[in-house]
C-alpha atoms as a PDB file:
ATOM      1  CA  MET A   1     104.671  91.655 105.773  1.00  0.00           C
ATOM      2  CA  GLY A   2     101.238  90.107 107.396  1.00  0.00           C
ATOM      3  CA  ILE A   3      97.755  90.582 106.482  1.00  0.00           C
ATOM      4  CA  GLY A   4      96.960  93.060 108.472  1.00  0.00           C
ATOM      5  CA  THR A   5      99.775  95.640 107.413  1.00  0.00           C
ATOM      6  CA  SER A   6      98.328  95.005 103.978  1.00  0.00           C
ATOM      7  CA  ILE A   7      95.284  96.015 104.333  1.00  0.00           C
ATOM      8  CA  LEU A   8      96.532  98.933 106.231  1.00  0.00           C
ATOM      9  CA  LEU A   9      97.839  99.670 103.608  1.00  0.00           C
ATOM     10  CA  ILE A  10      95.470  99.111 101.318  1.00  0.00           C
ATOM     11  CA  ALA A  11      93.303 101.827 103.866  1.00  0.00           C
ATOM     12  CA  ILE A  12      95.713 104.738 103.759  1.00  0.00           C
ATOM     13  CA  GLY A  13      96.265 104.325 100.273  1.00  0.00           C
ATOM     14  CA  ALA A  14      92.227 104.742  99.610  1.00  0.00           C
ATOM     15  CA  ILE A  15      92.474 107.444 101.814  1.00  0.00           C
ATOM     16  CA  LEU A  16      94.853 109.610 100.319  1.00  0.00           C
ATOM     17  CA  LYS A  17      93.698 108.212  97.022  1.00  0.00           C
ATOM     18  CA  PHE A  18      89.923 109.221  97.646  1.00  0.00           C
ATOM     19  CA  ALA A  19      89.470 111.432 100.479  1.00  0.00           C
ATOM     20  CA  VAL A  20      92.676 113.844 100.723  1.00  0.00           C
ATOM     21  CA  THR A  21      91.736 117.260  99.358  1.00  0.00           C
ATOM     22  CA  ALA A  22      94.831 118.531 100.197  1.00  0.00           C
ATOM     23  CA  SER A  23      97.790 119.798  97.765  1.00  0.00           C
ATOM     24  CA  VAL A  24     101.573 119.647  99.144  1.00  0.00           C
ATOM     25  CA  SER A  25     104.277 120.393  96.565  1.00  0.00           C
ATOM     26  CA  GLY A  26     106.544 118.577  94.927  1.00  0.00           C
ATOM     27  CA  ILE A  27     103.864 115.110  96.420  1.00  0.00           C
ATOM     28  CA  GLU A  28     100.575 114.089  94.951  1.00  0.00           C
ATOM     29  CA  LEU A  29      99.051 112.236  97.421  1.00  0.00           C
ATOM     30  CA  ALA A  30      96.709 110.500  94.561  1.00  0.00           C
ATOM     31  CA  THR A  31     100.323 108.614  93.686  1.00  0.00           C
ATOM     32  CA  VAL A  32     100.636 107.841  96.847  1.00  0.00           C
ATOM     33  CA  GLY A  33      97.526 106.506  97.697  1.00  0.00           C
ATOM     34  CA  VAL A  34      97.640 104.698  93.930  1.00  0.00           C
ATOM     35  CA  ILE A  35     101.355 102.752  95.083  1.00  0.00           C
ATOM     36  CA  LEU A  36     100.094 102.253  98.928  1.00  0.00           C
ATOM     37  CA  MET A  37      97.495 100.299  97.727  1.00  0.00           C
ATOM     38  CA  VAL A  38      98.969  98.023  94.679  1.00  0.00           C
ATOM     39  CA  VAL A  39     101.899  97.324  97.557  1.00  0.00           C
ATOM     40  CA  GLY A  40      99.032  96.745 100.275  1.00  0.00           C
ATOM     41  CA  GLY A  41      97.328  94.280  97.420  1.00  0.00           C
ATOM     42  CA  ILE A  42     100.594  93.178  96.066  1.00  0.00           C
ATOM     43  CA  GLY A  43     101.557  91.914  99.863  1.00  0.00           C
ATOM     44  CA  LEU A  44      98.027  91.095 100.623  1.00  0.00           C
ATOM     45  CA  LEU A  45      98.296  88.183  98.116  1.00  0.00           C
ATOM     46  CA  ILE A  46     102.108  87.268  99.141  1.00  0.00           C
ATOM     47  CA  SER A  47     100.491  86.517 103.137  1.00  0.00           C
ATOM     48  CA  LEU A  48      97.984  84.871 101.530  1.00  0.00           C
ATOM     49  CA  PHE A  49      99.757  82.395  99.805  1.00  0.00           C
ATOM     50  CA  MET A  50     102.511  81.939 102.341  1.00  0.00           C
ATOM     51  CA  TYR A  51      99.412  81.237 105.057  1.00  0.00           C
ATOM     52  CA  ALA A  52      97.715  78.269 102.241  1.00  0.00           C
ATOM     53  CA  ARG A  53     101.164  76.424 101.904  1.00  0.00           C
ATOM     54  CA  ALA A  54     101.778  76.916 105.335  1.00  0.00           C
ATOM     55  CA  THR A  55      98.482  74.914 106.421  1.00  0.00           C
ATOM     56  CA  ASP A  56      98.973  72.290 103.444  1.00  0.00           C
ATOM     57  CA  ARG A  57     102.795  71.598 105.405  1.00  0.00           C
ATOM     58  CA  ARG A  58     100.242  70.628 108.504  1.00  0.00           C
ATOM     59  CA  ARG A  59      97.772  68.373 106.687  1.00  0.00           C
ATOM     60  CA  GLU A  60     101.033  66.692 105.254  1.00  0.00           C
ATOM     61  CA  ALA A  61     102.781  66.270 108.427  1.00  0.00           C
ATOM     62  CA  THR A  62      99.454  64.290 110.221  1.00  0.00           C
ATOM     63  CA  VAL A  63     100.155  60.635 111.461  1.00  0.00           C
ATOM     64  CA  VAL A  64      97.030  58.719 111.762  1.00  0.00           C
ATOM     65  CA  ARG A  65      98.055  55.428 113.603  1.00  0.00           C
ATOM     66  CA  ASP A  66      95.057  52.775 113.333  1.00  0.00           C
ATOM     67  CA  ARG A  67      95.573  50.590 116.445  1.00  0.00           C
ATOM     68  CA  ARG A  68      93.650  46.930 116.842  1.00  0.00           C
ATOM     69  CA  VAL A  69      91.359  47.083 119.631  1.00  0.00           C
ATOM     70  CA  ASP A  70      90.361  43.031 121.379  1.00  0.00           C
ATOM     71  CA  PRO A  71      87.022  42.987 121.651  1.00  0.00           C
ATOM     72  CA  TYR A  72      87.651  40.253 124.381  1.00  0.00           C
ATOM     73  CA  ALA A  73      90.145  41.871 126.255  1.00  0.00           C
END
């Protein structure tokens, strides 16, 4: 799950929790909204953690080499 998907789940969950007043028999839409917001939040945290690890790996793999330049050449 990526960052965009996580934000989408949070948005859909918030809409179900706070904006929808319809009722469906057998399903509480507010509870489904809370579940989607929690899952989206967890997915967002995991995505950000994985993104941070990937950027750390790129920094570690950078090789810097110094070259001597002959000023008289």
